Amino acid sequence: MSRRASINELNSVVYPVRSAEQLSLARRAVLEWATRLEFSLVDRTKFVTAASELARNTWVHGKGGEMTMTQLERDGRTGLRLVFADTGPGIPDIGRALTDGYSSAGSMGKGLGGAKRLVHEFDIASEPGQGTSVTVIQWKRR
């Protein structure tokens, strides 16, 4: 039975996401890190798109929070992990929220599920009245 090597955390930075300007700065930081780590153009674009959606959700639906970006290494591969955390109203039905077409804000309802499809790893935890935490990871292709 083979086991994955543990993930090494190399660098970590926290960005507040409480305004349109901070959302833009967080998105730009993701692009800069993914570029510096030489992610492919496609993976960089997917990751920044997912980050932008999740940062916007943190600000708008979560009433503000933060994004923690961490450079990772596992099995000789480099990756980036983003954790979006807020203490907002939470998501009462995560399964429904991930369904395309569902929106609590009158939008197209593609954001959360779309973000999940754009990244290599996705995890969400939410408690109504306590907030939401979404973790995404993108690995650099070899």
Protein backbone atom coordinates (compact mmCIF):
# COMPACT_ATOMS: atom_id res chain seq x y z
CA MET A 1 0.00 0.00 0.00
CA SER A 2 1.55 3.29 -1.05
CA ARG A 3 1.05 6.44 0.95
CA ARG A 4 1.36 9.99 -0.23
CA ALA A 5 4.21 11.97 1.20
CA SER A 6 3.19 14.62 3.65
CA ILE A 7 2.73 18.17 2.45
CA ASN A 8 5.48 20.62 3.35
CA GLU A 9 4.39 24.21 3.88
CA LEU A 10 7.06 26.59 2.61
CA ASN A 11 5.69 30.15 2.74
CA SER A 12 2.40 31.56 3.92
CA VAL A 13 0.79 35.00 3.68
CA VAL A 14 -2.60 36.25 4.90
CA TYR A 15 -4.60 38.78 2.89
CA PRO A 16 -7.71 40.52 4.25
CA VAL A 17 -10.75 40.35 1.96
CA ARG A 18 -13.11 43.06 3.21
CA SER A 19 -13.36 45.46 0.25
CA ALA A 20 -13.23 45.53 -3.53
CA GLU A 21 -9.67 46.87 -3.33
CA GLN A 22 -8.54 44.06 -1.00
CA LEU A 23 -10.25 41.50 -3.25
CA SER A 24 -8.26 42.87 -6.19
CA LEU A 25 -5.00 42.76 -4.20
CA ALA A 26 -5.63 39.14 -3.17
CA ARG A 27 -6.39 38.13 -6.76
CA ARG A 28 -3.23 39.89 -7.98
CA ALA A 29 -1.15 38.12 -5.31
CA VAL A 30 -2.43 34.72 -6.47
CA LEU A 31 -1.49 35.57 -10.06
CA GLU A 32 1.98 36.77 -9.01
CA TRP A 33 2.71 33.66 -6.92
CA ALA A 34 1.44 31.26 -9.61
CA THR A 35 3.54 33.10 -12.19
CA ARG A 36 6.65 33.06 -10.01
CA LEU A 37 6.20 29.31 -9.42
CA GLU A 38 5.92 28.86 -13.20
CA PHE A 39 2.43 27.36 -13.32
CA SER A 40 1.27 26.85 -16.89
CA LEU A 41 -0.83 29.63 -18.38
CA VAL A 42 -3.92 27.39 -18.28
CA ASP A 43 -3.44 26.35 -14.62
CA ARG A 44 -2.64 29.93 -13.64
CA THR A 45 -5.80 31.20 -15.34
CA LYS A 46 -7.98 28.52 -13.76
CA PHE A 47 -6.54 29.14 -10.29
CA VAL A 48 -6.87 32.92 -10.46
CA THR A 49 -10.45 32.56 -11.72
CA ALA A 50 -11.34 30.23 -8.83
CA ALA A 51 -9.56 32.52 -6.35
CA SER A 52 -11.42 35.55 -7.66
CA GLU A 53 -14.80 33.83 -7.24
CA LEU A 54 -13.99 32.56 -3.75
CA ALA A 55 -12.60 35.92 -2.62
CA ARG A 56 -15.74 37.62 -3.90
CA ASN A 57 -17.90 35.09 -2.02
CA THR A 58 -15.87 35.74 1.14
CA TRP A 59 -16.43 39.47 0.83
CA VAL A 60 -20.04 39.57 -0.38
CA HIS A 61 -21.70 36.49 1.16
CA GLY A 62 -19.37 36.01 4.13
CA LYS A 63 -19.37 39.73 5.03
CA GLY A 64 -15.58 39.83 4.75
CA GLY A 65 -12.81 37.57 5.88
CA GLU A 66 -9.34 36.58 4.80
CA MET A 67 -7.41 34.53 2.29
CA THR A 68 -4.36 32.61 3.43
CA MET A 69 -2.01 31.60 0.62
CA THR A 70 0.59 28.92 1.28
CA GLN A 71 3.26 27.53 -1.02
CA LEU A 72 3.36 23.74 -0.76
CA GLU A 73 5.61 20.89 -1.72
CA ARG A 74 4.66 17.21 -1.92
CA ASP A 75 6.38 14.36 -3.73
CA GLY A 76 8.67 16.87 -5.48
CA ARG A 77 5.73 18.92 -6.78
CA THR A 78 5.07 22.56 -6.02
CA GLY A 79 1.60 23.82 -5.27
CA LEU A 80 -0.40 26.70 -3.86
CA ARG A 81 -3.09 26.37 -1.24
CA LEU A 82 -5.66 29.09 -0.67
CA VAL A 83 -7.91 29.12 2.37
CA PHE A 84 -10.82 31.58 2.29
CA ALA A 85 -12.34 32.00 5.75
CA ASP A 86 -15.14 34.19 7.04
CA THR A 87 -17.38 34.39 10.09
CA GLY A 88 -20.49 35.26 8.09
CA PRO A 89 -23.89 33.57 7.97
CA GLY A 90 -22.56 30.25 6.68
CA ILE A 91 -24.08 27.94 4.08
CA PRO A 92 -27.05 25.87 5.28
CA ASP A 93 -26.89 23.33 2.41
CA ILE A 94 -23.42 22.94 0.90
CA GLY A 95 -24.54 20.33 -1.63
CA ARG A 96 -27.18 22.67 -2.99
CA ALA A 97 -24.77 25.61 -3.01
CA LEU A 98 -22.37 23.59 -5.20
CA THR A 99 -25.13 22.83 -7.72
CA ASP A 100 -24.97 24.85 -10.92
CA GLY A 101 -27.92 27.21 -11.16
CA TYR A 102 -28.38 27.64 -7.40
CA SER A 103 -27.87 31.21 -6.20
CA SER A 104 -28.67 32.93 -2.95
CA ALA A 105 -27.96 36.30 -4.56
CA GLY A 106 -29.82 36.18 -7.85
CA SER A 107 -26.70 35.46 -9.93
CA MET A 108 -26.17 32.69 -12.48
CA GLY A 109 -25.25 30.24 -9.72
CA LYS A 110 -22.05 28.92 -11.29
CA GLY A 111 -19.47 30.33 -8.86
CA LEU A 112 -18.89 27.81 -6.10
CA GLY A 113 -19.30 24.72 -8.27
CA GLY A 114 -17.28 26.36 -11.03
CA ALA A 115 -14.46 27.15 -8.63
CA LYS A 116 -14.44 23.49 -7.53
CA ARG A 117 -14.07 22.33 -11.14
CA LEU A 118 -11.16 24.70 -11.82
CA VAL A 119 -8.79 23.45 -9.11
CA HIS A 120 -7.02 20.18 -8.35
CA GLU A 121 -8.26 19.92 -4.75
CA PHE A 122 -11.30 21.52 -3.11
CA ASP A 123 -12.73 21.35 0.40
CA ILE A 124 -15.50 23.36 2.02
CA ALA A 125 -16.75 23.53 5.60
CA SER A 126 -19.57 25.74 6.77
CA GLU A 127 -21.76 26.09 9.80
CA PRO A 128 -24.85 28.29 9.66
CA GLY A 129 -24.26 31.34 11.83
CA GLN A 130 -20.56 30.51 12.21
CA GLY A 131 -19.01 31.12 8.81
CA THR A 132 -17.42 29.27 5.95
CA SER A 133 -13.96 28.01 5.07
CA VAL A 134 -13.05 26.98 1.53
CA THR A 135 -9.67 25.40 0.79
CA VAL A 136 -8.37 24.98 -2.75
CA ILE A 137 -5.05 23.63 -4.00
CA GLN A 138 -3.48 23.86 -7.43
CA TRP A 139 -0.38 21.77 -8.21
CA LYS A 140 2.21 22.70 -10.79
CA ARG A 141 2.23 20.14 -13.57
CA ARG A 142 5.51 18.34 -14.11
